[in-house]
Amino acid sequence: MVTEEEVMDALRTCYDPEIGLSIVDLGLVYRVEIDGEKVKVDMTLTAPGCPLQAMIAQDAHAKILALSGVKEAEINLVWDPPWTPDRLSPEAKKYLGLE
């Protein structure tokens, strides 16, 4: 069975193309739930009107489905709580000059 760490590692390869950072470093992944061969992810984006939301969600979906032991993946875009820069990883803050 796939682990949450494996899912998060896969999601670290999904990038926001406008910012150039992974969705994990941006703090966009809120929850990972694993039920056997099914993985559900709740994630957000930096802004509700993001024109790349479908592309980013599809990329995350594909990366999770590529993991061994995963037969089904569900990506839920959520807006509550709203994303804030406080969710950035230390590396992302440094990259963006916010440190």
PDB file of N, CA and C in Angstrom:
ATOM      1  N   MET A   1       0.841  -1.182   0.000  1.00  0.00           N
ATOM      2  CA  MET A   1       0.000   0.000   0.000  1.00  0.00           C
ATOM      3  C   MET A   1       0.887   1.247   0.000  1.00  0.00           C
ATOM      4  N   VAL A   2       0.475   2.231  -0.738  1.00  0.00           N
ATOM      5  CA  VAL A   2       1.217   3.483  -0.833  1.00  0.00           C
ATOM      6  C   VAL A   2       1.131   4.224   0.505  1.00  0.00           C
ATOM      7  N   THR A   3       2.171   4.993   0.804  1.00  0.00           N
ATOM      8  CA  THR A   3       2.196   5.760   2.046  1.00  0.00           C
ATOM      9  C   THR A   3       1.970   7.245   1.760  1.00  0.00           C
ATOM     10  N   GLU A   4       1.628   7.990   2.808  1.00  0.00           N
ATOM     11  CA  GLU A   4       1.452   9.440   2.657  1.00  0.00           C
ATOM     12  C   GLU A   4       2.767  10.082   2.217  1.00  0.00           C
ATOM     13  N   GLU A   5       3.871   9.596   2.735  1.00  0.00           N
ATOM     14  CA  GLU A   5       5.181  10.141   2.347  1.00  0.00           C
ATOM     15  C   GLU A   5       5.435   9.945   0.856  1.00  0.00           C
ATOM     16  N   GLU A   6       5.079   8.801   0.322  1.00  0.00           N
ATOM     17  CA  GLU A   6       5.256   8.552  -1.112  1.00  0.00           C
ATOM     18  C   GLU A   6       4.374   9.487  -1.942  1.00  0.00           C
ATOM     19  N   VAL A   7       3.144   9.706  -1.471  1.00  0.00           N
ATOM     20  CA  VAL A   7       2.241  10.623  -2.172  1.00  0.00           C
ATOM     21  C   VAL A   7       2.822  12.034  -2.152  1.00  0.00           C
ATOM     22  N   MET A   8       3.294  12.469  -0.984  1.00  0.00           N
ATOM     23  CA  MET A   8       3.864  13.818  -0.880  1.00  0.00           C
ATOM     24  C   MET A   8       5.122  13.948  -1.750  1.00  0.00           C
ATOM     25  N   ASP A   9       5.935  12.908  -1.797  1.00  0.00           N
ATOM     26  CA  ASP A   9       7.124  12.935  -2.662  1.00  0.00           C
ATOM     27  C   ASP A   9       6.716  13.083  -4.134  1.00  0.00           C
ATOM     28  N   ALA A  10       5.665  12.379  -4.531  1.00  0.00           N
ATOM     29  CA  ALA A  10       5.178  12.497  -5.910  1.00  0.00           C
ATOM     30  C   ALA A  10       4.669  13.914  -6.173  1.00  0.00           C
ATOM     31  N   LEU A  11       3.975  14.477  -5.203  1.00  0.00           N
ATOM     32  CA  LEU A  11       3.431  15.828  -5.367  1.00  0.00           C
ATOM     33  C   LEU A  11       4.530  16.889  -5.355  1.00  0.00           C
ATOM     34  N   ARG A  12       5.687  16.565  -4.801  1.00  0.00           N
ATOM     35  CA  ARG A  12       6.822  17.495  -4.855  1.00  0.00           C
ATOM     36  C   ARG A  12       7.350  17.658  -6.288  1.00  0.00           C
ATOM     37  N   THR A  13       6.906  16.798  -7.187  1.00  0.00           N
ATOM     38  CA  THR A  13       7.308  16.912  -8.594  1.00  0.00           C
ATOM     39  C   THR A  13       6.272  17.665  -9.418  1.00  0.00           C
ATOM     40  N   CYS A  14       5.216  18.164  -8.776  1.00  0.00           N
ATOM     41  CA  CYS A  14       4.190  18.981  -9.433  1.00  0.00           C
ATOM     42  C   CYS A  14       4.499  20.440  -9.139  1.00  0.00           C
ATOM     43  N   TYR A  15       4.695  21.195 -10.179  1.00  0.00           N
ATOM     44  CA  TYR A  15       5.107  22.592 -10.013  1.00  0.00           C
ATOM     45  C   TYR A  15       4.034  23.565 -10.459  1.00  0.00           C
ATOM     46  N   ASP A  16       3.972  24.681  -9.767  1.00  0.00           N
ATOM     47  CA  ASP A  16       3.186  25.811 -10.241  1.00  0.00           C
ATOM     48  C   ASP A  16       4.066  26.490 -11.285  1.00  0.00           C
ATOM     49  N   PRO A  17       3.679  26.433 -12.564  1.00  0.00           N
ATOM     50  CA  PRO A  17       4.565  26.945 -13.613  1.00  0.00           C
ATOM     51  C   PRO A  17       4.801  28.451 -13.548  1.00  0.00           C
ATOM     52  N   GLU A  18       3.911  29.191 -12.946  1.00  0.00           N
ATOM     53  CA  GLU A  18       4.101  30.640 -12.852  1.00  0.00           C
ATOM     54  C   GLU A  18       5.101  31.007 -11.762  1.00  0.00           C
ATOM     55  N   ILE A  19       5.151  30.197 -10.704  1.00  0.00           N
ATOM     56  CA  ILE A  19       6.028  30.505  -9.574  1.00  0.00           C
ATOM     57  C   ILE A  19       7.314  29.684  -9.617  1.00  0.00           C
ATOM     58  N   GLY A  20       7.238  28.490 -10.188  1.00  0.00           N
ATOM     59  CA  GLY A  20       8.428  27.652 -10.297  1.00  0.00           C
ATOM     60  C   GLY A  20       8.743  26.852  -9.050  1.00  0.00           C
ATOM     61  N   LEU A  21       7.760  26.658  -8.188  1.00  0.00           N
ATOM     62  CA  LEU A  21       7.944  25.868  -6.971  1.00  0.00           C
ATOM     63  C   LEU A  21       6.915  24.749  -6.945  1.00  0.00           C
ATOM     64  N   SER A  22       7.234  23.692  -6.196  1.00  0.00           N
ATOM     65  CA  SER A  22       6.307  22.565  -6.107  1.00  0.00           C
ATOM     66  C   SER A  22       5.076  22.948  -5.292  1.00  0.00           C
ATOM     67  N   ILE A  23       3.992  22.234  -5.534  1.00  0.00           N
ATOM     68  CA  ILE A  23       2.771  22.512  -4.791  1.00  0.00           C
ATOM     69  C   ILE A  23       2.933  22.166  -3.311  1.00  0.00           C
ATOM     70  N   VAL A  24       3.866  21.280  -2.999  1.00  0.00           N
ATOM     71  CA  VAL A  24       4.136  20.961  -1.595  1.00  0.00           C
ATOM     72  C   VAL A  24       4.887  22.113  -0.937  1.00  0.00           C
ATOM     73  N   ASP A  25       5.941  22.615  -1.587  1.00  0.00           N
ATOM     74  CA  ASP A  25       6.696  23.742  -1.021  1.00  0.00           C
ATOM     75  C   ASP A  25       5.842  25.005  -0.908  1.00  0.00           C
ATOM     76  N   LEU A  26       4.880  25.141  -1.800  1.00  0.00           N
ATOM     77  CA  LEU A  26       3.981  26.289  -1.734  1.00  0.00           C
ATOM     78  C   LEU A  26       2.937  26.142  -0.621  1.00  0.00           C
ATOM     79  N   GLY A  27       2.837  24.950  -0.053  1.00  0.00           N
ATOM     80  CA  GLY A  27       1.857  24.724   1.011  1.00  0.00           C
ATOM     81  C   GLY A  27       0.444  24.572   0.485  1.00  0.00           C
ATOM     82  N   LEU A  28       0.313  24.095  -0.734  1.00  0.00           N
ATOM     83  CA  LEU A  28      -1.003  23.963  -1.352  1.00  0.00           C
ATOM     84  C   LEU A  28      -1.707  22.656  -0.996  1.00  0.00           C
ATOM     85  N   VAL A  29      -0.960  21.673  -0.524  1.00  0.00           N
ATOM     86  CA  VAL A  29      -1.549  20.370  -0.185  1.00  0.00           C
ATOM     87  C   VAL A  29      -2.011  20.415   1.267  1.00  0.00           C
ATOM     88  N   TYR A  30      -3.311  20.290   1.462  1.00  0.00           N
ATOM     89  CA  TYR A  30      -3.887  20.370   2.802  1.00  0.00           C
ATOM     90  C   TYR A  30      -4.052  18.999   3.465  1.00  0.00           C
ATOM     91  N   ARG A  31      -4.413  17.977   2.671  1.00  0.00           N
ATOM     92  CA  ARG A  31      -4.701  16.679   3.275  1.00  0.00           C
ATOM     93  C   ARG A  31      -4.491  15.563   2.261  1.00  0.00           C
ATOM     94  N   VAL A  32      -3.947  14.456   2.746  1.00  0.00           N
ATOM     95  CA  VAL A  32      -3.807  13.241   1.947  1.00  0.00           C
ATOM     96  C   VAL A  32      -4.507  12.127   2.720  1.00  0.00           C
ATOM     97  N   GLU A  33      -5.429  11.451   2.047  1.00  0.00           N
ATOM     98  CA  GLU A  33      -6.147  10.341   2.666  1.00  0.00           C
ATOM     99  C   GLU A  33      -5.953   9.106   1.798  1.00  0.00           C
ATOM    100  N   ILE A  34      -5.543   8.019   2.413  1.00  0.00           N
ATOM    101  CA  ILE A  34      -5.293   6.777   1.680  1.00  0.00           C
ATOM    102  C   ILE A  34      -6.252   5.717   2.192  1.00  0.00           C
ATOM    103  N   ASP A  35      -6.970   5.110   1.257  1.00  0.00           N
ATOM    104  CA  ASP A  35      -7.899   4.037   1.585  1.00  0.00           C
ATOM    105  C   ASP A  35      -7.626   2.887   0.627  1.00  0.00           C
ATOM    106  N   GLY A  36      -6.718   2.014   1.042  1.00  0.00           N
ATOM    107  CA  GLY A  36      -6.336   0.901   0.174  1.00  0.00           C
ATOM    108  C   GLY A  36      -5.622   1.404  -1.067  1.00  0.00           C
ATOM    109  N   GLU A  37      -6.244   1.201  -2.231  1.00  0.00           N
ATOM    110  CA  GLU A  37      -5.650   1.606  -3.504  1.00  0.00           C
ATOM    111  C   GLU A  37      -6.160   2.973  -3.983  1.00  0.00           C
ATOM    112  N   LYS A  38      -6.914   3.655  -3.129  1.00  0.00           N
ATOM    113  CA  LYS A  38      -7.470   4.967  -3.490  1.00  0.00           C
ATOM    114  C   LYS A  38      -6.802   6.053  -2.658  1.00  0.00           C
ATOM    115  N   VAL A  39      -6.407   7.137  -3.340  1.00  0.00           N
ATOM    116  CA  VAL A  39      -5.787   8.281  -2.672  1.00  0.00           C
ATOM    117  C   VAL A  39      -6.631   9.517  -2.956  1.00  0.00           C
ATOM    118  N   LYS A  40      -6.981  10.211  -1.885  1.00  0.00           N
ATOM    119  CA  LYS A  40      -7.705  11.480  -2.004  1.00  0.00           C
ATOM    120  C   LYS A  40      -6.796  12.581  -1.479  1.00  0.00           C
ATOM    121  N   VAL A  41      -6.752  13.671  -2.226  1.00  0.00           N
ATOM    122  CA  VAL A  41      -5.944  14.824  -1.827  1.00  0.00           C
ATOM    123  C   VAL A  41      -6.825  16.062  -1.842  1.00  0.00           C
ATOM    124  N   ASP A  42      -6.796  16.791  -0.740  1.00  0.00           N
ATOM    125  CA  ASP A  42      -7.397  18.117  -0.692  1.00  0.00           C
ATOM    126  C   ASP A  42      -6.269  19.111  -0.876  1.00  0.00           C
ATOM    127  N   MET A  43      -6.419  19.975  -1.837  1.00  0.00           N
ATOM    128  CA  MET A  43      -5.402  20.989  -2.086  1.00  0.00           C
ATOM    129  C   MET A  43      -6.075  22.290  -2.495  1.00  0.00           C
ATOM    130  N   THR A  44      -5.308  23.330  -2.456  1.00  0.00           N
ATOM    131  CA  THR A  44      -5.803  24.638  -2.852  1.00  0.00           C
ATOM    132  C   THR A  44      -4.837  25.233  -3.858  1.00  0.00           C
ATOM    133  N   LEU A  45      -5.075  26.455  -4.219  1.00  0.00           N
ATOM    134  CA  LEU A  45      -4.172  27.204  -5.087  1.00  0.00           C
ATOM    135  C   LEU A  45      -3.939  28.562  -4.442  1.00  0.00           C
ATOM    136  N   THR A  46      -2.983  29.290  -4.926  1.00  0.00           N
ATOM    137  CA  THR A  46      -2.673  30.576  -4.301  1.00  0.00           C
ATOM    138  C   THR A  46      -3.795  31.586  -4.493  1.00  0.00           C
ATOM    139  N   ALA A  47      -4.639  31.383  -5.517  1.00  0.00           N
ATOM    140  CA  ALA A  47      -5.778  32.272  -5.764  1.00  0.00           C
ATOM    141  C   ALA A  47      -6.899  31.475  -6.424  1.00  0.00           C
ATOM    142  N   PRO A  48      -8.155  31.700  -6.018  1.00  0.00           N
ATOM    143  CA  PRO A  48      -9.274  30.952  -6.599  1.00  0.00           C
ATOM    144  C   PRO A  48      -9.402  31.104  -8.118  1.00  0.00           C
ATOM    145  N   GLY A  49      -9.017  32.213  -8.666  1.00  0.00           N
ATOM    146  CA  GLY A  49      -9.156  32.440 -10.099  1.00  0.00           C
ATOM    147  C   GLY A  49      -7.959  31.994 -10.917  1.00  0.00           C
ATOM    148  N   CYS A  50      -7.085  31.194 -10.335  1.00  0.00           N
ATOM    149  CA  CYS A  50      -5.861  30.758 -11.025  1.00  0.00           C
ATOM    150  C   CYS A  50      -6.214  30.106 -12.363  1.00  0.00           C
ATOM    151  N   PRO A  51      -5.697  30.635 -13.472  1.00  0.00           N
ATOM    152  CA  PRO A  51      -6.018  30.073 -14.781  1.00  0.00           C
ATOM    153  C   PRO A  51      -5.400  28.697 -15.022  1.00  0.00           C
ATOM    154  N   LEU A  52      -4.471  28.300 -14.171  1.00  0.00           N
ATOM    155  CA  LEU A  52      -3.791  27.010 -14.352  1.00  0.00           C
ATOM    156  C   LEU A  52      -4.332  25.924 -13.423  1.00  0.00           C
ATOM    157  N   GLN A  53      -5.470  26.178 -12.765  1.00  0.00           N
ATOM    158  CA  GLN A  53      -5.956  25.229 -11.774  1.00  0.00           C
ATOM    159  C   GLN A  53      -6.215  23.844 -12.358  1.00  0.00           C
ATOM    160  N   ALA A  54      -6.796  23.740 -13.528  1.00  0.00           N
ATOM    161  CA  ALA A  54      -7.066  22.433 -14.124  1.00  0.00           C
ATOM    162  C   ALA A  54      -5.764  21.707 -14.455  1.00  0.00           C
ATOM    163  N   MET A  55      -4.792  22.428 -14.990  1.00  0.00           N
ATOM    164  CA  MET A  55      -3.520  21.813 -15.349  1.00  0.00           C
ATOM    165  C   MET A  55      -2.783  21.302 -14.116  1.00  0.00           C
ATOM    166  N   ILE A  56      -2.744  22.092 -13.047  1.00  0.00           N
ATOM    167  CA  ILE A  56      -2.042  21.691 -11.832  1.00  0.00           C
ATOM    168  C   ILE A  56      -2.740  20.484 -11.194  1.00  0.00           C
ATOM    169  N   ALA A  57      -4.064  20.507 -11.138  1.00  0.00           N
ATOM    170  CA  ALA A  57      -4.816  19.380 -10.570  1.00  0.00           C
ATOM    171  C   ALA A  57      -4.626  18.117 -11.406  1.00  0.00           C
ATOM    172  N   GLN A  58      -4.619  18.248 -12.723  1.00  0.00           N
ATOM    173  CA  GLN A  58      -4.411  17.085 -13.595  1.00  0.00           C
ATOM    174  C   GLN A  58      -3.016  16.514 -13.416  1.00  0.00           C
ATOM    175  N   ASP A  59      -2.023  17.373 -13.274  1.00  0.00           N
ATOM    176  CA  ASP A  59      -0.651  16.917 -13.054  1.00  0.00           C
ATOM    177  C   ASP A  59      -0.552  16.154 -11.737  1.00  0.00           C
ATOM    178  N   ALA A  60      -1.148  16.685 -10.679  1.00  0.00           N
ATOM    179  CA  ALA A  60      -1.133  16.010  -9.376  1.00  0.00           C
ATOM    180  C   ALA A  60      -1.832  14.661  -9.481  1.00  0.00           C
ATOM    181  N   HIS A  61      -2.954  14.626 -10.158  1.00  0.00           N
ATOM    182  CA  HIS A  61      -3.710  13.386 -10.353  1.00  0.00           C
ATOM    183  C   HIS A  61      -2.851  12.337 -11.061  1.00  0.00           C
ATOM    184  N   ALA A  62      -2.203  12.732 -12.139  1.00  0.00           N
ATOM    185  CA  ALA A  62      -1.371  11.801 -12.914  1.00  0.00           C
ATOM    186  C   ALA A  62      -0.185  11.290 -12.092  1.00  0.00           C
ATOM    187  N   LYS A  63       0.450  12.176 -11.325  1.00  0.00           N
ATOM    188  CA  LYS A  63       1.605  11.764 -10.515  1.00  0.00           C
ATOM    189  C   LYS A  63       1.192  10.756  -9.444  1.00  0.00           C
ATOM    190  N   ILE A  64       0.024  10.938  -8.860  1.00  0.00           N
ATOM    191  CA  ILE A  64      -0.446   9.992  -7.843  1.00  0.00           C
ATOM    192  C   ILE A  64      -0.814   8.657  -8.477  1.00  0.00           C
ATOM    193  N   LEU A  65      -1.497   8.692  -9.613  1.00  0.00           N
ATOM    194  CA  LEU A  65      -1.868   7.452 -10.299  1.00  0.00           C
ATOM    195  C   LEU A  65      -0.651   6.650 -10.749  1.00  0.00           C
ATOM    196  N   ALA A  66       0.457   7.304 -10.967  1.00  0.00           N
ATOM    197  CA  ALA A  66       1.675   6.617 -11.412  1.00  0.00           C
ATOM    198  C   ALA A  66       2.351   5.843 -10.274  1.00  0.00           C
ATOM    199  N   LEU A  67       1.930   6.079  -9.043  1.00  0.00           N
ATOM    200  CA  LEU A  67       2.543   5.387  -7.904  1.00  0.00           C
ATOM    201  C   LEU A  67       2.105   3.929  -7.857  1.00  0.00           C
ATOM    202  N   SER A  68       3.031   3.073  -7.503  1.00  0.00           N
ATOM    203  CA  SER A  68       2.737   1.653  -7.348  1.00  0.00           C
ATOM    204  C   SER A  68       1.711   1.459  -6.232  1.00  0.00           C
ATOM    205  N   GLY A  69       0.685   0.679  -6.515  1.00  0.00           N
ATOM    206  CA  GLY A  69      -0.336   0.395  -5.517  1.00  0.00           C
ATOM    207  C   GLY A  69      -1.517   1.336  -5.544  1.00  0.00           C
ATOM    208  N   VAL A  70      -1.494   2.335  -6.439  1.00  0.00           N
ATOM    209  CA  VAL A  70      -2.612   3.279  -6.533  1.00  0.00           C
ATOM    210  C   VAL A  70      -3.422   2.965  -7.788  1.00  0.00           C
ATOM    211  N   LYS A  71      -4.712   2.722  -7.586  1.00  0.00           N
ATOM    212  CA  LYS A  71      -5.611   2.443  -8.711  1.00  0.00           C
ATOM    213  C   LYS A  71      -6.560   3.609  -8.979  1.00  0.00           C
ATOM    214  N   GLU A  72      -6.738   4.451  -7.963  1.00  0.00           N
ATOM    215  CA  GLU A  72      -7.683   5.561  -8.102  1.00  0.00           C
ATOM    216  C   GLU A  72      -7.142   6.768  -7.345  1.00  0.00           C
ATOM    217  N   ALA A  73      -7.270   7.945  -7.966  1.00  0.00           N
ATOM    218  CA  ALA A  73      -6.825   9.182  -7.325  1.00  0.00           C
ATOM    219  C   ALA A  73      -7.911  10.235  -7.476  1.00  0.00           C
ATOM    220  N   GLU A  74      -8.103  10.993  -6.423  1.00  0.00           N
ATOM    221  CA  GLU A  74      -9.103  12.057  -6.434  1.00  0.00           C
ATOM    222  C   GLU A  74      -8.449  13.331  -5.907  1.00  0.00           C
ATOM    223  N   ILE A  75      -8.529  14.378  -6.696  1.00  0.00           N
ATOM    224  CA  ILE A  75      -7.994  15.686  -6.298  1.00  0.00           C
ATOM    225  C   ILE A  75      -9.180  16.614  -6.057  1.00  0.00           C
ATOM    226  N   ASN A  76      -9.275  17.110  -4.838  1.00  0.00           N
ATOM    227  CA  ASN A  76     -10.331  18.052  -4.483  1.00  0.00           C
ATOM    228  C   ASN A  76      -9.709  19.423  -4.292  1.00  0.00           C
ATOM    229  N   LEU A  77     -10.131  20.385  -5.102  1.00  0.00           N
ATOM    230  CA  LEU A  77      -9.685  21.760  -4.911  1.00  0.00           C
ATOM    231  C   LEU A  77     -10.585  22.407  -3.872  1.00  0.00           C
ATOM    232  N   VAL A  78      -9.977  22.879  -2.804  1.00  0.00           N
ATOM    233  CA  VAL A  78     -10.730  23.494  -1.711  1.00  0.00           C
ATOM    234  C   VAL A  78     -10.231  24.920  -1.504  1.00  0.00           C
ATOM    235  N   TRP A  79     -11.087  25.747  -0.978  1.00  0.00           N
ATOM    236  CA  TRP A  79     -10.732  27.161  -0.785  1.00  0.00           C
ATOM    237  C   TRP A  79     -10.818  27.586   0.678  1.00  0.00           C
ATOM    238  N   ASP A  80     -11.119  26.627   1.544  1.00  0.00           N
ATOM    239  CA  ASP A  80     -11.214  26.920   2.961  1.00  0.00           C
ATOM    240  C   ASP A  80     -10.375  25.914   3.733  1.00  0.00           C
ATOM    241  N   PRO A  81      -9.375  26.327   4.436  1.00  0.00           N
ATOM    242  CA  PRO A  81      -8.996  27.719   4.663  1.00  0.00           C
ATOM    243  C   PRO A  81      -8.281  28.288   3.438  1.00  0.00           C
ATOM    244  N   PRO A  82      -8.385  29.588   3.260  1.00  0.00           N
ATOM    245  CA  PRO A  82      -7.685  30.206   2.137  1.00  0.00           C
ATOM    246  C   PRO A  82      -6.174  30.086   2.309  1.00  0.00           C
ATOM    247  N   TRP A  83      -5.487  29.974   1.198  1.00  0.00           N
ATOM    248  CA  TRP A  83      -4.025  29.891   1.226  1.00  0.00           C
ATOM    249  C   TRP A  83      -3.452  31.244   1.632  1.00  0.00           C
ATOM    250  N   THR A  84      -2.374  31.182   2.422  1.00  0.00           N
ATOM    251  CA  THR A  84      -1.619  32.387   2.774  1.00  0.00           C
ATOM    252  C   THR A  84      -0.137  32.064   2.649  1.00  0.00           C
ATOM    253  N   PRO A  85       0.724  33.064   2.520  1.00  0.00           N
ATOM    254  CA  PRO A  85       2.164  32.828   2.428  1.00  0.00           C
ATOM    255  C   PRO A  85       2.749  32.143   3.667  1.00  0.00           C
ATOM    256  N   ASP A  86       2.022  32.129   4.765  1.00  0.00           N
ATOM    257  CA  ASP A  86       2.492  31.423   5.961  1.00  0.00           C
ATOM    258  C   ASP A  86       2.660  29.932   5.718  1.00  0.00           C
ATOM    259  N   ARG A  87       1.986  29.398   4.705  1.00  0.00           N
ATOM    260  CA  ARG A  87       2.049  27.967   4.403  1.00  0.00           C
ATOM    261  C   ARG A  87       3.299  27.591   3.593  1.00  0.00           C
ATOM    262  N   LEU A  88       4.052  28.570   3.126  1.00  0.00           N
ATOM    263  CA  LEU A  88       5.261  28.300   2.341  1.00  0.00           C
ATOM    264  C   LEU A  88       6.298  27.551   3.179  1.00  0.00           C
ATOM    265  N   SER A  89       7.000  26.634   2.539  1.00  0.00           N
ATOM    266  CA  SER A  89       8.109  25.963   3.218  1.00  0.00           C
ATOM    267  C   SER A  89       9.243  26.970   3.399  1.00  0.00           C
ATOM    268  N   PRO A  90      10.176  26.705   4.316  1.00  0.00           N
ATOM    269  CA  PRO A  90      11.326  27.603   4.470  1.00  0.00           C
ATOM    270  C   PRO A  90      12.101  27.797   3.163  1.00  0.00           C
ATOM    271  N   GLU A  91      12.219  26.714   2.378  1.00  0.00           N
ATOM    272  CA  GLU A  91      12.928  26.806   1.094  1.00  0.00           C
ATOM    273  C   GLU A  91      12.192  27.734   0.129  1.00  0.00           C
ATOM    274  N   ALA A  92      10.859  27.638   0.121  1.00  0.00           N
ATOM    275  CA  ALA A  92      10.061  28.491  -0.768  1.00  0.00           C
ATOM    276  C   ALA A  92      10.166  29.952  -0.345  1.00  0.00           C
ATOM    277  N   LYS A  93      10.140  30.199   0.954  1.00  0.00           N
ATOM    278  CA  LYS A  93      10.274  31.582   1.439  1.00  0.00           C
ATOM    279  C   LYS A  93      11.617  32.167   1.017  1.00  0.00           C
ATOM    280  N   LYS A  94      12.659  31.363   1.125  1.00  0.00           N
ATOM    281  CA  LYS A  94      13.989  31.824   0.722  1.00  0.00           C
ATOM    282  C   LYS A  94      14.024  32.100  -0.787  1.00  0.00           C
ATOM    283  N   TYR A  95      13.492  31.179  -1.577  1.00  0.00           N
ATOM    284  CA  TYR A  95      13.454  31.298  -3.026  1.00  0.00           C
ATOM    285  C   TYR A  95      12.723  32.572  -3.457  1.00  0.00           C
ATOM    286  N   LEU A  96      11.635  32.895  -2.743  1.00  0.00           N
ATOM    287  CA  LEU A  96      10.821  34.056  -3.089  1.00  0.00           C
ATOM    288  C   LEU A  96      11.287  35.333  -2.410  1.00  0.00           C
ATOM    289  N   GLY A  97      12.368  35.234  -1.631  1.00  0.00           N
ATOM    290  CA  GLY A  97      12.927  36.408  -0.977  1.00  0.00           C
ATOM    291  C   GLY A  97      12.091  36.903   0.197  1.00  0.00           C
ATOM    292  N   LEU A  98      11.346  35.994   0.839  1.00  0.00           N
ATOM    293  CA  LEU A  98      10.491  36.376   1.948  1.00  0.00           C
ATOM    294  C   LEU A  98      11.100  36.046   3.303  1.00  0.00           C
ATOM    295  N   GLU A  99      12.321  35.628   3.305  1.00  0.00           N
ATOM    296  CA  GLU A  99      12.984  35.241   4.557  1.00  0.00           C
ATOM    297  C   GLU A  99      13.794  36.361   5.113  1.00  0.00           C
TER     298      GLU A  99
END
